[in-house]
Amino acid sequence: MKNYFYTIFLLIAAAGTFVFLSSGVNYSSNSPGGKTGSPGDGGVTCTQCHTY
């Protein structure tokens, strides 16, 4: 039973870490939206900020 709780705890901790790191918290000023190059964005891409 003890191993079951450790396994659940590790799964929750891993999921929480993934969500935290993928949520954009690691960006200092967050990237601007609407730069995908899609027709909905008017064809605007990220080349205003990035050269490559």
Protein backbone atom coordinates (compact mmCIF):
# COMPACT_ATOMS: atom_id res chain seq x y z
CA MET A 1 0.00 0.00 0.00
CA LYS A 2 2.89 2.32 0.76
CA ASN A 3 4.31 1.84 -2.74
CA TYR A 4 0.93 2.77 -4.19
CA PHE A 5 1.01 6.18 -2.47
CA TYR A 6 4.59 6.80 -3.59
CA THR A 7 3.64 5.99 -7.17
CA ILE A 8 0.62 8.31 -7.09
CA PHE A 9 2.72 11.08 -5.53
CA LEU A 10 5.41 10.73 -8.20
CA LEU A 11 2.83 10.81 -11.00
CA ILE A 12 1.22 13.95 -9.60
CA ALA A 13 4.62 15.61 -9.08
CA ALA A 14 5.70 14.77 -12.63
CA ALA A 15 2.44 16.10 -14.08
CA GLY A 16 2.71 19.27 -12.01
CA THR A 17 6.28 19.84 -13.16
CA PHE A 18 5.27 19.36 -16.79
CA VAL A 19 2.38 21.82 -16.48
CA PHE A 20 4.55 24.38 -14.70
CA LEU A 21 7.33 24.24 -17.29
CA SER A 22 5.02 24.25 -20.30
CA SER A 23 2.83 27.12 -19.10
CA GLY A 24 5.24 29.84 -20.21
CA VAL A 25 6.42 30.64 -16.71
CA ASN A 26 10.00 30.36 -17.90
CA TYR A 27 9.59 33.31 -20.32
CA SER A 28 10.64 36.63 -18.88
CA SER A 29 8.13 38.67 -20.88
CA ASN A 30 5.96 36.00 -22.59
CA SER A 31 5.75 35.76 -26.34
CA PRO A 32 3.20 37.88 -28.18
CA GLY A 33 0.15 36.10 -29.55
CA GLY A 34 -1.07 36.13 -33.14
CA LYS A 35 2.26 35.36 -34.81
CA THR A 36 1.58 31.91 -36.29
CA GLY A 37 1.52 32.92 -39.95
CA SER A 38 -2.02 31.61 -40.33
CA PRO A 39 -4.67 33.46 -42.34
CA GLY A 40 -6.41 34.32 -39.06
CA ASP A 41 -3.28 36.17 -37.97
CA GLY A 42 -3.08 38.02 -41.29
CA GLY A 43 0.00 36.03 -42.28
CA VAL A 44 2.07 37.69 -39.53
CA THR A 45 4.91 35.49 -38.25
CA CYS A 46 7.52 35.72 -35.53
CA THR A 47 10.12 37.27 -37.86
CA GLN A 48 9.51 40.67 -36.30
CA CYS A 49 11.42 39.42 -33.25
CA HIS A 50 13.43 36.48 -34.64
CA THR A 51 15.76 36.51 -37.63
CA TYR A 52 15.80 32.74 -38.26
